[in-house]
């Protein structure tokens, strides 16, 4: 891919995200989402592999449908209320349509089927963008409209997303698909609390982005795509694998790592809202995700194969790694002691 094309796509991604998160009018928010979609499509398909082309088409069809629903939702709301402001979404049908549109963009159940397939057809860096940066604009729209949406519907979708994200990740051997189902599960945690404490949703998203970025960049540095190849990656980079283990356990939400903080705060907030059953269900369902995170850590650090066909090749690997990995991994492991400082801002 031409460096100029890559630069234009990257700048367009930044522009589209900035337009959406700073807009208070439905048309400008929709424009930003469309710029994002058009900018990421060349990046997904840049390898010209049939799987990448298939992923691009799936992504485009889903995003186009979601954008059309979002635009129709805003138009029907403007037709009945005369308001184009994002925070003035009051018509019940418009609220339902917007919930469906945002659920499609975020990959929430039951609109999640496209997400693992698209991630599987993308490179690790593009999969990271799809899992984090491209979910930020839809989450900001959800943040701005959270007071208008149906909390029961969002809670139901969130619990099912957490359940299916953990359940369907158990049977996967492809790393990108496992991380896709991990993302679906985390989106469930963010969605369940959005109507009660939107700031907590943003905090969860920021911490999720840190942890996911460190995991994706580490896996990209070690060139690991399948569970089987994780066993041989210890020979290449033992230090990276050790930090990867901690980042994965943080993503699973184990104390005393960073990932425990959002889950702790969300369960606390749900209990305050007298949603003890939902809080218990979310805590129990996160154990499903914990299983495949533990399996990843087990494969990457404890399991060493007796013989590997390309065992000697492991010593002749590219030693250059991203400079972002150390700070991201440090933050994804060590931020829990800052929780008193974070609690004052919520």
C-alpha atoms as a PDB file:
ATOM      1  CA  UNK A   1       0.000   0.000   0.000  1.00  0.00           C
ATOM      2  CA  UNK A   2       1.296   3.441  -0.934  1.00  0.00           C
ATOM      3  CA  UNK A   3       2.551   5.473   2.050  1.00  0.00           C
ATOM      4  CA  UNK A   4       0.510   8.444   0.784  1.00  0.00           C
ATOM      5  CA  UNK A   5      -2.666   6.353   0.742  1.00  0.00           C
ATOM      6  CA  UNK A   6      -1.869   5.074   4.236  1.00  0.00           C
ATOM      7  CA  UNK A   7      -1.296   8.647   5.448  1.00  0.00           C
ATOM      8  CA  UNK A   8      -4.587   9.852   3.932  1.00  0.00           C
ATOM      9  CA  UNK A   9      -6.484   6.940   5.501  1.00  0.00           C
ATOM     10  CA  UNK A  10      -4.915   7.558   8.924  1.00  0.00           C
ATOM     11  CA  UNK A  11      -5.638  11.299   8.807  1.00  0.00           C
ATOM     12  CA  UNK A  12      -9.205  10.570   7.682  1.00  0.00           C
ATOM     13  CA  UNK A  13      -9.652   8.229  10.658  1.00  0.00           C
ATOM     14  CA  UNK A  14      -8.502  10.973  13.022  1.00  0.00           C
ATOM     15  CA  UNK A  15     -10.725  13.532  11.282  1.00  0.00           C
ATOM     16  CA  UNK A  16     -13.815  11.299  11.309  1.00  0.00           C
ATOM     17  CA  UNK A  17     -13.369  10.466  14.996  1.00  0.00           C
ATOM     18  CA  UNK A  18     -12.817  14.136  15.901  1.00  0.00           C
ATOM     19  CA  UNK A  19     -15.926  15.222  13.954  1.00  0.00           C
ATOM     20  CA  UNK A  20     -18.176  12.640  15.620  1.00  0.00           C
ATOM     21  CA  UNK A  21     -17.012  13.105  19.212  1.00  0.00           C
ATOM     22  CA  UNK A  22     -17.186  16.919  18.988  1.00  0.00           C
ATOM     23  CA  UNK A  23     -20.546  17.223  17.208  1.00  0.00           C
ATOM     24  CA  UNK A  24     -23.945  17.926  18.739  1.00  0.00           C
ATOM     25  CA  UNK A  25     -25.858  17.666  15.447  1.00  0.00           C
ATOM     26  CA  UNK A  26     -26.937  14.330  14.016  1.00  0.00           C
ATOM     27  CA  UNK A  27     -25.765  15.047  10.456  1.00  0.00           C
ATOM     28  CA  UNK A  28     -22.205  15.940  11.494  1.00  0.00           C
ATOM     29  CA  UNK A  29     -22.026  12.884  13.779  1.00  0.00           C
ATOM     30  CA  UNK A  30     -23.187  10.693  10.896  1.00  0.00           C
ATOM     31  CA  UNK A  31     -20.644  12.356   8.567  1.00  0.00           C
ATOM     32  CA  UNK A  32     -17.812  11.524  10.971  1.00  0.00           C
ATOM     33  CA  UNK A  33     -18.905   7.884  11.161  1.00  0.00           C
ATOM     34  CA  UNK A  34     -19.004   7.659   7.353  1.00  0.00           C
ATOM     35  CA  UNK A  35     -15.523   9.181   7.026  1.00  0.00           C
ATOM     36  CA  UNK A  36     -14.266   6.552   9.485  1.00  0.00           C
ATOM     37  CA  UNK A  37     -15.868   3.724   7.511  1.00  0.00           C
ATOM     38  CA  UNK A  38     -14.450   4.921   4.187  1.00  0.00           C
ATOM     39  CA  UNK A  39     -10.988   5.446   5.736  1.00  0.00           C
ATOM     40  CA  UNK A  40     -10.666   1.979   7.292  1.00  0.00           C
ATOM     41  CA  UNK A  41     -11.839   0.037   4.215  1.00  0.00           C
ATOM     42  CA  UNK A  42      -8.545   0.440   2.243  1.00  0.00           C
ATOM     43  CA  UNK A  43      -6.583  -0.486   5.377  1.00  0.00           C
ATOM     44  CA  UNK A  44      -8.523  -3.745   5.892  1.00  0.00           C
ATOM     45  CA  UNK A  45      -8.205  -4.767   2.231  1.00  0.00           C
ATOM     46  CA  UNK A  46      -4.583  -3.644   1.679  1.00  0.00           C
ATOM     47  CA  UNK A  47      -3.196  -7.215   1.629  1.00  0.00           C
ATOM     48  CA  UNK A  48      -5.525  -8.142  -1.315  1.00  0.00           C
ATOM     49  CA  UNK A  49      -5.972 -11.582   0.222  1.00  0.00           C
ATOM     50  CA  UNK A  50      -9.423 -13.117  -0.468  1.00  0.00           C
ATOM     51  CA  UNK A  51     -10.113 -13.285   3.277  1.00  0.00           C
ATOM     52  CA  UNK A  52      -9.237  -9.589   3.636  1.00  0.00           C
ATOM     53  CA  UNK A  53     -11.520  -8.656   0.727  1.00  0.00           C
ATOM     54  CA  UNK A  54     -14.323 -10.729   2.258  1.00  0.00           C
ATOM     55  CA  UNK A  55     -13.785  -9.001   5.624  1.00  0.00           C
ATOM     56  CA  UNK A  56     -13.876  -5.600   3.904  1.00  0.00           C
ATOM     57  CA  UNK A  57     -17.187  -6.342   2.181  1.00  0.00           C
ATOM     58  CA  UNK A  58     -18.735  -7.656   5.415  1.00  0.00           C
ATOM     59  CA  UNK A  59     -17.534  -4.591   7.309  1.00  0.00           C
ATOM     60  CA  UNK A  60     -18.852  -2.203   4.661  1.00  0.00           C
ATOM     61  CA  UNK A  61     -22.296  -3.838   4.481  1.00  0.00           C
ATOM     62  CA  UNK A  62     -22.763  -3.833   8.259  1.00  0.00           C
ATOM     63  CA  UNK A  63     -21.508  -0.272   8.717  1.00  0.00           C
ATOM     64  CA  UNK A  64     -23.602   1.029   5.819  1.00  0.00           C
ATOM     65  CA  UNK A  65     -26.726  -0.581   7.301  1.00  0.00           C
ATOM     66  CA  UNK A  66     -25.952   0.797  10.770  1.00  0.00           C
ATOM     67  CA  UNK A  67     -25.295   4.294   9.385  1.00  0.00           C
ATOM     68  CA  UNK A  68     -28.551   4.212   7.418  1.00  0.00           C
ATOM     69  CA  UNK A  69     -30.443   3.196  10.576  1.00  0.00           C
ATOM     70  CA  UNK A  70     -28.749   5.969  12.563  1.00  0.00           C
ATOM     71  CA  UNK A  71     -29.647   8.563   9.934  1.00  0.00           C
ATOM     72  CA  UNK A  72     -33.229   7.266   9.725  1.00  0.00           C
ATOM     73  CA  UNK A  73     -33.482   7.395  13.527  1.00  0.00           C
ATOM     74  CA  UNK A  74     -32.328  11.022  13.647  1.00  0.00           C
ATOM     75  CA  UNK A  75     -34.619  12.015  10.748  1.00  0.00           C
ATOM     76  CA  UNK A  76     -37.688  10.389  12.320  1.00  0.00           C
ATOM     77  CA  UNK A  77     -36.878  12.128  15.612  1.00  0.00           C
ATOM     78  CA  UNK A  78     -36.475  15.475  13.827  1.00  0.00           C
ATOM     79  CA  UNK A  79     -39.766  14.863  11.962  1.00  0.00           C
ATOM     80  CA  UNK A  80     -41.718  14.411  15.211  1.00  0.00           C
ATOM     81  CA  UNK A  81     -39.890  16.823  17.551  1.00  0.00           C
ATOM     82  CA  UNK A  82     -38.187  19.333  15.235  1.00  0.00           C
ATOM     83  CA  UNK A  83     -34.861  18.740  17.016  1.00  0.00           C
ATOM     84  CA  UNK A  84     -31.573  17.776  15.315  1.00  0.00           C
ATOM     85  CA  UNK A  85     -29.585  17.958  18.560  1.00  0.00           C
ATOM     86  CA  UNK A  86     -28.083  14.608  19.609  1.00  0.00           C
ATOM     87  CA  UNK A  87     -29.102  15.021  23.251  1.00  0.00           C
ATOM     88  CA  UNK A  88     -32.757  15.725  22.315  1.00  0.00           C
ATOM     89  CA  UNK A  89     -33.605  12.191  21.191  1.00  0.00           C
ATOM     90  CA  UNK A  90     -37.074  11.619  22.666  1.00  0.00           C
ATOM     91  CA  UNK A  91     -39.185   9.679  20.144  1.00  0.00           C
ATOM     92  CA  UNK A  92     -39.480   5.994  21.257  1.00  0.00           C
ATOM     93  CA  UNK A  93     -39.122   4.515  17.750  1.00  0.00           C
ATOM     94  CA  UNK A  94     -36.071   6.694  17.083  1.00  0.00           C
ATOM     95  CA  UNK A  95     -34.514   5.536  20.371  1.00  0.00           C
ATOM     96  CA  UNK A  96     -35.050   1.885  19.408  1.00  0.00           C
ATOM     97  CA  UNK A  97     -33.573   2.402  15.925  1.00  0.00           C
ATOM     98  CA  UNK A  98     -30.559   4.194  17.388  1.00  0.00           C
ATOM     99  CA  UNK A  99     -29.987   1.369  19.880  1.00  0.00           C
ATOM    100  CA  UNK A 100     -29.953  -1.140  16.996  1.00  0.00           C
ATOM    101  CA  UNK A 101     -27.607   1.065  14.922  1.00  0.00           C
ATOM    102  CA  UNK A 102     -25.104   1.552  17.763  1.00  0.00           C
ATOM    103  CA  UNK A 103     -25.300  -2.153  18.696  1.00  0.00           C
ATOM    104  CA  UNK A 104     -24.387  -3.023  15.092  1.00  0.00           C
ATOM    105  CA  UNK A 105     -21.452  -0.625  15.108  1.00  0.00           C
ATOM    106  CA  UNK A 106     -20.156  -1.862  18.473  1.00  0.00           C
ATOM    107  CA  UNK A 107     -20.716  -5.550  17.716  1.00  0.00           C
ATOM    108  CA  UNK A 108     -23.174  -6.140  20.551  1.00  0.00           C
ATOM    109  CA  UNK A 109     -25.286  -9.313  20.568  1.00  0.00           C
ATOM    110  CA  UNK A 110     -27.410 -10.048  18.517  1.00  0.00           C
ATOM    111  CA  UNK A 111     -25.553  -7.947  15.889  1.00  0.00           C
ATOM    112  CA  UNK A 112     -22.109  -9.369  16.641  1.00  0.00           C
ATOM    113  CA  UNK A 113     -21.614 -11.980  13.897  1.00  0.00           C
ATOM    114  CA  UNK A 114     -19.619  -9.697  11.593  1.00  0.00           C
ATOM    115  CA  UNK A 115     -16.997  -8.690  14.157  1.00  0.00           C
ATOM    116  CA  UNK A 116     -14.958 -11.928  14.613  1.00  0.00           C
ATOM    117  CA  UNK A 117     -14.981 -12.543  10.845  1.00  0.00           C
ATOM    118  CA  UNK A 118     -13.731  -9.037  10.046  1.00  0.00           C
ATOM    119  CA  UNK A 119     -10.991  -9.227  12.681  1.00  0.00           C
ATOM    120  CA  UNK A 120      -9.891 -12.624  11.372  1.00  0.00           C
ATOM    121  CA  UNK A 121      -9.486 -11.148   7.870  1.00  0.00           C
ATOM    122  CA  UNK A 122      -7.477  -8.137   9.079  1.00  0.00           C
ATOM    123  CA  UNK A 123      -3.875  -7.713  10.179  1.00  0.00           C
ATOM    124  CA  UNK A 124      -3.120  -7.348  13.899  1.00  0.00           C
ATOM    125  CA  UNK A 125      -2.710  -3.562  13.757  1.00  0.00           C
ATOM    126  CA  UNK A 126      -5.961  -3.062  11.812  1.00  0.00           C
ATOM    127  CA  UNK A 127      -7.722  -5.478  14.190  1.00  0.00           C
ATOM    128  CA  UNK A 128      -6.509  -3.259  17.036  1.00  0.00           C
ATOM    129  CA  UNK A 129      -7.991  -0.187  15.324  1.00  0.00           C
ATOM    130  CA  UNK A 130     -11.302  -1.990  14.760  1.00  0.00           C
ATOM    131  CA  UNK A 131     -11.426  -3.092  18.405  1.00  0.00           C
ATOM    132  CA  UNK A 132     -10.579   0.277  19.959  1.00  0.00           C
ATOM    133  CA  UNK A 133     -10.387   3.493  17.915  1.00  0.00           C
ATOM    134  CA  UNK A 134     -13.357   2.768  15.646  1.00  0.00           C
ATOM    135  CA  UNK A 135     -15.574   1.948  18.632  1.00  0.00           C
ATOM    136  CA  UNK A 136     -14.937   5.315  20.277  1.00  0.00           C
ATOM    137  CA  UNK A 137     -17.300   7.415  18.069  1.00  0.00           C
ATOM    138  CA  UNK A 138     -20.305   5.049  18.546  1.00  0.00           C
ATOM    139  CA  UNK A 139     -19.633   4.973  22.303  1.00  0.00           C
ATOM    140  CA  UNK A 140     -19.657   8.794  22.432  1.00  0.00           C
ATOM    141  CA  UNK A 141     -23.046   8.808  20.670  1.00  0.00           C
ATOM    142  CA  UNK A 142     -24.272   6.213  23.179  1.00  0.00           C
ATOM    143  CA  UNK A 143     -22.874   8.436  25.963  1.00  0.00           C
ATOM    144  CA  UNK A 144     -24.755  11.513  24.691  1.00  0.00           C
ATOM    145  CA  UNK A 145     -28.069   9.687  24.214  1.00  0.00           C
ATOM    146  CA  UNK A 146     -27.877   7.329  27.227  1.00  0.00           C
ATOM    147  CA  UNK A 147     -30.596   9.211  29.161  1.00  0.00           C
ATOM    148  CA  UNK A 148     -33.080   8.579  26.317  1.00  0.00           C
ATOM    149  CA  UNK A 149     -32.470   4.874  25.689  1.00  0.00           C
ATOM    150  CA  UNK A 150     -34.337   1.928  27.190  1.00  0.00           C
ATOM    151  CA  UNK A 151     -32.275   0.668  30.176  1.00  0.00           C
ATOM    152  CA  UNK A 152     -33.954  -2.761  30.216  1.00  0.00           C
ATOM    153  CA  UNK A 153     -33.089  -3.374  26.555  1.00  0.00           C
ATOM    154  CA  UNK A 154     -29.488  -2.228  27.059  1.00  0.00           C
ATOM    155  CA  UNK A 155     -29.093  -4.381  30.187  1.00  0.00           C
ATOM    156  CA  UNK A 156     -30.453  -7.448  28.375  1.00  0.00           C
ATOM    157  CA  UNK A 157     -28.143  -6.915  25.384  1.00  0.00           C
ATOM    158  CA  UNK A 158     -25.189  -6.339  27.716  1.00  0.00           C
ATOM    159  CA  UNK A 159     -25.720  -9.532  29.733  1.00  0.00           C
ATOM    160  CA  UNK A 160     -26.195 -11.634  26.574  1.00  0.00           C
ATOM    161  CA  UNK A 161     -23.096 -10.012  24.995  1.00  0.00           C
ATOM    162  CA  UNK A 162     -20.994 -10.872  28.048  1.00  0.00           C
ATOM    163  CA  UNK A 163     -22.363 -14.434  28.038  1.00  0.00           C
ATOM    164  CA  UNK A 164     -21.878 -15.093  24.319  1.00  0.00           C
ATOM    165  CA  UNK A 165     -18.528 -13.264  24.205  1.00  0.00           C
ATOM    166  CA  UNK A 166     -17.191 -15.633  26.851  1.00  0.00           C
ATOM    167  CA  UNK A 167     -19.006 -18.745  25.628  1.00  0.00           C
ATOM    168  CA  UNK A 168     -18.062 -18.478  21.942  1.00  0.00           C
ATOM    169  CA  UNK A 169     -14.450 -17.611  22.762  1.00  0.00           C
ATOM    170  CA  UNK A 170     -13.963 -20.976  24.471  1.00  0.00           C
ATOM    171  CA  UNK A 171     -13.957 -22.935  21.227  1.00  0.00           C
ATOM    172  CA  UNK A 172     -11.573 -20.728  19.217  1.00  0.00           C
ATOM    173  CA  UNK A 173      -7.983 -21.433  18.220  1.00  0.00           C
ATOM    174  CA  UNK A 174      -7.397 -18.239  16.216  1.00  0.00           C
ATOM    175  CA  UNK A 175      -6.019 -15.438  18.394  1.00  0.00           C
ATOM    176  CA  UNK A 176      -7.849 -12.639  16.557  1.00  0.00           C
ATOM    177  CA  UNK A 177     -11.199 -14.398  16.953  1.00  0.00           C
ATOM    178  CA  UNK A 178     -10.541 -14.936  20.664  1.00  0.00           C
ATOM    179  CA  UNK A 179      -9.779 -11.225  21.055  1.00  0.00           C
ATOM    180  CA  UNK A 180     -12.902 -10.366  19.020  1.00  0.00           C
ATOM    181  CA  UNK A 181     -15.103 -12.305  21.439  1.00  0.00           C
ATOM    182  CA  UNK A 182     -13.188 -10.678  24.300  1.00  0.00           C
ATOM    183  CA  UNK A 183     -14.115  -7.297  22.813  1.00  0.00           C
ATOM    184  CA  UNK A 184     -17.801  -8.302  22.538  1.00  0.00           C
ATOM    185  CA  UNK A 185     -17.745  -9.327  26.201  1.00  0.00           C
ATOM    186  CA  UNK A 186     -16.156  -6.029  27.276  1.00  0.00           C
ATOM    187  CA  UNK A 187     -18.700  -4.060  25.244  1.00  0.00           C
ATOM    188  CA  UNK A 188     -21.348  -5.780  27.357  1.00  0.00           C
ATOM    189  CA  UNK A 189     -19.711  -4.423  30.527  1.00  0.00           C
ATOM    190  CA  UNK A 190     -19.651  -0.906  29.061  1.00  0.00           C
ATOM    191  CA  UNK A 191     -23.259  -1.033  27.862  1.00  0.00           C
ATOM    192  CA  UNK A 192     -24.819  -2.285  31.103  1.00  0.00           C
ATOM    193  CA  UNK A 193     -23.692   0.778  33.064  1.00  0.00           C
ATOM    194  CA  UNK A 194     -24.183   3.490  30.393  1.00  0.00           C
ATOM    195  CA  UNK A 195     -27.643   4.629  31.573  1.00  0.00           C
ATOM    196  CA  UNK A 196     -26.648   4.739  35.256  1.00  0.00           C
ATOM    197  CA  UNK A 197     -23.115   6.152  35.156  1.00  0.00           C
ATOM    198  CA  UNK A 198     -21.934   7.166  31.648  1.00  0.00           C
ATOM    199  CA  UNK A 199     -18.558   8.378  32.971  1.00  0.00           C
ATOM    200  CA  UNK A 200     -17.848   4.857  34.180  1.00  0.00           C
ATOM    201  CA  UNK A 201     -18.464   3.566  30.649  1.00  0.00           C
ATOM    202  CA  UNK A 202     -15.836   5.964  29.292  1.00  0.00           C
ATOM    203  CA  UNK A 203     -13.357   4.956  32.018  1.00  0.00           C
ATOM    204  CA  UNK A 204     -13.946   1.276  31.191  1.00  0.00           C
ATOM    205  CA  UNK A 205     -13.397   1.991  27.486  1.00  0.00           C
ATOM    206  CA  UNK A 206     -10.144   3.877  28.117  1.00  0.00           C
ATOM    207  CA  UNK A 207      -8.727   1.105  30.301  1.00  0.00           C
ATOM    208  CA  UNK A 208      -9.948  -1.560  27.859  1.00  0.00           C
ATOM    209  CA  UNK A 209      -8.158   0.316  25.050  1.00  0.00           C
ATOM    210  CA  UNK A 210      -4.888   0.360  27.020  1.00  0.00           C
ATOM    211  CA  UNK A 211      -5.036  -3.352  27.814  1.00  0.00           C
ATOM    212  CA  UNK A 212      -6.138  -4.427  24.328  1.00  0.00           C
ATOM    213  CA  UNK A 213      -3.488  -2.259  22.653  1.00  0.00           C
ATOM    214  CA  UNK A 214      -0.715  -3.828  24.744  1.00  0.00           C
ATOM    215  CA  UNK A 215      -1.973  -7.357  23.942  1.00  0.00           C
ATOM    216  CA  UNK A 216      -2.393  -6.730  20.192  1.00  0.00           C
ATOM    217  CA  UNK A 217       0.979  -4.986  19.799  1.00  0.00           C
ATOM    218  CA  UNK A 218       2.776  -7.732  21.738  1.00  0.00           C
ATOM    219  CA  UNK A 219       1.149 -10.434  19.604  1.00  0.00           C
ATOM    220  CA  UNK A 220       2.029  -8.439  16.483  1.00  0.00           C
ATOM    221  CA  UNK A 221       5.675  -8.242  17.610  1.00  0.00           C
ATOM    222  CA  UNK A 222       5.859 -11.999  18.231  1.00  0.00           C
ATOM    223  CA  UNK A 223       3.968 -12.774  14.968  1.00  0.00           C
ATOM    224  CA  UNK A 224       1.502 -15.038  16.787  1.00  0.00           C
ATOM    225  CA  UNK A 225      -1.813 -15.759  15.035  1.00  0.00           C
ATOM    226  CA  UNK A 226      -2.847 -19.147  16.454  1.00  0.00           C
ATOM    227  CA  UNK A 227      -2.828 -20.870  19.820  1.00  0.00           C
ATOM    228  CA  UNK A 228      -0.376 -23.471  18.505  1.00  0.00           C
ATOM    229  CA  UNK A 229       2.227 -20.868  17.561  1.00  0.00           C
ATOM    230  CA  UNK A 230       1.958 -19.264  21.007  1.00  0.00           C
ATOM    231  CA  UNK A 231       3.818 -22.260  22.404  1.00  0.00           C
ATOM    232  CA  UNK A 232       6.901 -21.524  20.290  1.00  0.00           C
ATOM    233  CA  UNK A 233       6.868 -17.763  20.916  1.00  0.00           C
ATOM    234  CA  UNK A 234       8.588 -18.131  24.306  1.00  0.00           C
ATOM    235  CA  UNK A 235      11.803 -19.037  22.460  1.00  0.00           C
ATOM    236  CA  UNK A 236      11.664 -15.768  20.531  1.00  0.00           C
ATOM    237  CA  UNK A 237      10.841 -13.226  23.221  1.00  0.00           C
ATOM    238  CA  UNK A 238      10.589 -14.571  26.776  1.00  0.00           C
ATOM    239  CA  UNK A 239      10.291 -11.101  28.344  1.00  0.00           C
ATOM    240  CA  UNK A 240       7.483 -10.044  26.004  1.00  0.00           C
ATOM    241  CA  UNK A 241       5.659 -13.277  26.733  1.00  0.00           C
ATOM    242  CA  UNK A 242       5.901 -12.724  30.473  1.00  0.00           C
ATOM    243  CA  UNK A 243       4.404  -9.233  30.178  1.00  0.00           C
ATOM    244  CA  UNK A 244       1.793 -10.567  27.731  1.00  0.00           C
ATOM    245  CA  UNK A 245       0.677 -13.017  30.418  1.00  0.00           C
ATOM    246  CA  UNK A 246       0.113 -10.153  32.883  1.00  0.00           C
ATOM    247  CA  UNK A 247      -1.691  -8.036  30.258  1.00  0.00           C
ATOM    248  CA  UNK A 248      -4.028 -10.944  29.443  1.00  0.00           C
ATOM    249  CA  UNK A 249      -4.789 -11.517  33.119  1.00  0.00           C
ATOM    250  CA  UNK A 250      -5.472  -7.783  33.450  1.00  0.00           C
ATOM    251  CA  UNK A 251      -7.863  -8.007  30.496  1.00  0.00           C
ATOM    252  CA  UNK A 252      -9.562 -10.864  32.349  1.00  0.00           C
ATOM    253  CA  UNK A 253     -10.128  -8.520  35.303  1.00  0.00           C
ATOM    254  CA  UNK A 254      -8.000 -10.208  37.957  1.00  0.00           C
ATOM    255  CA  UNK A 255      -6.773  -8.160  40.935  1.00  0.00           C
ATOM    256  CA  UNK A 256      -4.342  -6.508  41.610  1.00  0.00           C
ATOM    257  CA  UNK A 257      -4.094  -5.586  37.908  1.00  0.00           C
ATOM    258  CA  UNK A 258      -5.645  -2.600  36.104  1.00  0.00           C
ATOM    259  CA  UNK A 259      -8.498  -4.591  34.528  1.00  0.00           C
ATOM    260  CA  UNK A 260      -9.996  -5.302  37.949  1.00  0.00           C
ATOM    261  CA  UNK A 261     -10.819  -1.606  38.484  1.00  0.00           C
ATOM    262  CA  UNK A 262     -13.629  -1.133  35.895  1.00  0.00           C
ATOM    263  CA  UNK A 263     -15.325  -4.425  36.785  1.00  0.00           C
ATOM    264  CA  UNK A 264     -15.163  -3.622  40.478  1.00  0.00           C
ATOM    265  CA  UNK A 265     -16.670  -0.138  39.935  1.00  0.00           C
ATOM    266  CA  UNK A 266     -19.385  -1.428  37.578  1.00  0.00           C
ATOM    267  CA  UNK A 267     -20.484  -4.157  40.002  1.00  0.00           C
ATOM    268  CA  UNK A 268     -20.477  -1.584  42.822  1.00  0.00           C
ATOM    269  CA  UNK A 269     -22.627   0.835  40.775  1.00  0.00           C
ATOM    270  CA  UNK A 270     -25.074  -1.909  39.738  1.00  0.00           C
ATOM    271  CA  UNK A 271     -25.469  -2.894  43.396  1.00  0.00           C
ATOM    272  CA  UNK A 272     -26.200   0.748  44.293  1.00  0.00           C
ATOM    273  CA  UNK A 273     -28.908   0.763  41.595  1.00  0.00           C
ATOM    274  CA  UNK A 274     -30.467  -2.330  43.258  1.00  0.00           C
ATOM    275  CA  UNK A 275     -29.508  -4.492  40.268  1.00  0.00           C
ATOM    276  CA  UNK A 276     -27.873  -7.200  42.355  1.00  0.00           C
ATOM    277  CA  UNK A 277     -29.082  -9.986  40.050  1.00  0.00           C
ATOM    278  CA  UNK A 278     -27.543  -8.307  36.985  1.00  0.00           C
ATOM    279  CA  UNK A 279     -24.292  -7.653  38.882  1.00  0.00           C
ATOM    280  CA  UNK A 280     -24.102 -11.304  39.980  1.00  0.00           C
ATOM    281  CA  UNK A 281     -24.845 -12.506  36.430  1.00  0.00           C
ATOM    282  CA  UNK A 282     -22.098 -10.284  34.967  1.00  0.00           C
ATOM    283  CA  UNK A 283     -19.583 -11.452  37.580  1.00  0.00           C
ATOM    284  CA  UNK A 284     -20.380 -15.119  36.959  1.00  0.00           C
ATOM    285  CA  UNK A 285     -20.357 -14.758  33.165  1.00  0.00           C
ATOM    286  CA  UNK A 286     -16.938 -13.095  33.248  1.00  0.00           C
ATOM    287  CA  UNK A 287     -15.599 -16.463  34.447  1.00  0.00           C
ATOM    288  CA  UNK A 288     -16.212 -17.803  30.924  1.00  0.00           C
ATOM    289  CA  UNK A 289     -13.865 -15.166  29.543  1.00  0.00           C
ATOM    290  CA  UNK A 290     -11.389 -15.856  32.329  1.00  0.00           C
ATOM    291  CA  UNK A 291     -11.070 -19.438  31.081  1.00  0.00           C
ATOM    292  CA  UNK A 292      -9.815 -18.518  27.605  1.00  0.00           C
ATOM    293  CA  UNK A 293      -7.550 -15.759  28.966  1.00  0.00           C
ATOM    294  CA  UNK A 294      -6.004 -18.350  31.279  1.00  0.00           C
ATOM    295  CA  UNK A 295      -5.672 -20.722  28.338  1.00  0.00           C
ATOM    296  CA  UNK A 296      -3.804 -18.023  26.380  1.00  0.00           C
ATOM    297  CA  UNK A 297      -1.457 -17.355  29.299  1.00  0.00           C
ATOM    298  CA  UNK A 298      -0.932 -21.091  29.801  1.00  0.00           C
ATOM    299  CA  UNK A 299      -0.011 -21.581  26.142  1.00  0.00           C
ATOM    300  CA  UNK A 300       2.259 -18.534  26.002  1.00  0.00           C
ATOM    301  CA  UNK A 301       4.271 -19.037  29.198  1.00  0.00           C
ATOM    302  CA  UNK A 302       3.908 -22.528  30.670  1.00  0.00           C
ATOM    303  CA  UNK A 303       3.542 -24.860  27.691  1.00  0.00           C
ATOM    304  CA  UNK A 304       6.735 -25.545  25.761  1.00  0.00           C
ATOM    305  CA  UNK A 305       6.516 -28.077  22.909  1.00  0.00           C
ATOM    306  CA  UNK A 306       9.070 -30.926  22.977  1.00  0.00           C
ATOM    307  CA  UNK A 307       9.910 -30.422  19.302  1.00  0.00           C
ATOM    308  CA  UNK A 308       8.989 -27.865  16.718  1.00  0.00           C
ATOM    309  CA  UNK A 309       9.510 -28.173  12.977  1.00  0.00           C
ATOM    310  CA  UNK A 310      10.818 -24.630  12.758  1.00  0.00           C
ATOM    311  CA  UNK A 311      12.486 -24.631  16.181  1.00  0.00           C
ATOM    312  CA  UNK A 312      15.802 -23.250  14.902  1.00  0.00           C
ATOM    313  CA  UNK A 313      14.056 -20.522  12.958  1.00  0.00           C
ATOM    314  CA  UNK A 314      12.806 -19.056  16.230  1.00  0.00           C
ATOM    315  CA  UNK A 315      16.281 -17.661  16.857  1.00  0.00           C
ATOM    316  CA  UNK A 316      16.341 -15.770  13.576  1.00  0.00           C
ATOM    317  CA  UNK A 317      13.507 -13.361  14.133  1.00  0.00           C
ATOM    318  CA  UNK A 318      13.144  -9.644  13.725  1.00  0.00           C
ATOM    319  CA  UNK A 319      14.106  -8.194  17.093  1.00  0.00           C
ATOM    320  CA  UNK A 320      12.524  -4.769  16.495  1.00  0.00           C
ATOM    321  CA  UNK A 321       9.444  -4.199  18.622  1.00  0.00           C
ATOM    322  CA  UNK A 322       7.109  -1.239  18.968  1.00  0.00           C
ATOM    323  CA  UNK A 323       8.205   1.445  21.421  1.00  0.00           C
ATOM    324  CA  UNK A 324       4.580   1.695  22.571  1.00  0.00           C
ATOM    325  CA  UNK A 325       4.596  -1.788  24.123  1.00  0.00           C
ATOM    326  CA  UNK A 326       6.469  -0.982  27.401  1.00  0.00           C
ATOM    327  CA  UNK A 327       4.345   2.052  28.466  1.00  0.00           C
ATOM    328  CA  UNK A 328       1.066   0.429  27.385  1.00  0.00           C
ATOM    329  CA  UNK A 329       1.869  -2.825  29.182  1.00  0.00           C
ATOM    330  CA  UNK A 330       2.943  -0.944  32.304  1.00  0.00           C
ATOM    331  CA  UNK A 331      -0.324   1.008  32.372  1.00  0.00           C
ATOM    332  CA  UNK A 332      -2.407  -2.086  31.668  1.00  0.00           C
ATOM    333  CA  UNK A 333      -0.849  -3.808  34.699  1.00  0.00           C
ATOM    334  CA  UNK A 334      -0.077  -1.137  37.310  1.00  0.00           C
ATOM    335  CA  UNK A 335      -2.931   1.423  37.381  1.00  0.00           C
ATOM    336  CA  UNK A 336      -5.022  -0.139  40.171  1.00  0.00           C
ATOM    337  CA  UNK A 337      -3.246   1.845  42.974  1.00  0.00           C
ATOM    338  CA  UNK A 338      -4.486   5.031  41.254  1.00  0.00           C
ATOM    339  CA  UNK A 339      -8.117   4.031  41.879  1.00  0.00           C
ATOM    340  CA  UNK A 340      -8.659   6.592  44.724  1.00  0.00           C
ATOM    341  CA  UNK A 341      -7.604   9.348  42.314  1.00  0.00           C
ATOM    342  CA  UNK A 342      -9.911   7.991  39.584  1.00  0.00           C
ATOM    343  CA  UNK A 343     -12.866   7.605  41.966  1.00  0.00           C
ATOM    344  CA  UNK A 344     -12.867  11.352  42.704  1.00  0.00           C
ATOM    345  CA  UNK A 345     -13.487  12.132  39.012  1.00  0.00           C
ATOM    346  CA  UNK A 346     -16.507   9.808  38.623  1.00  0.00           C
END
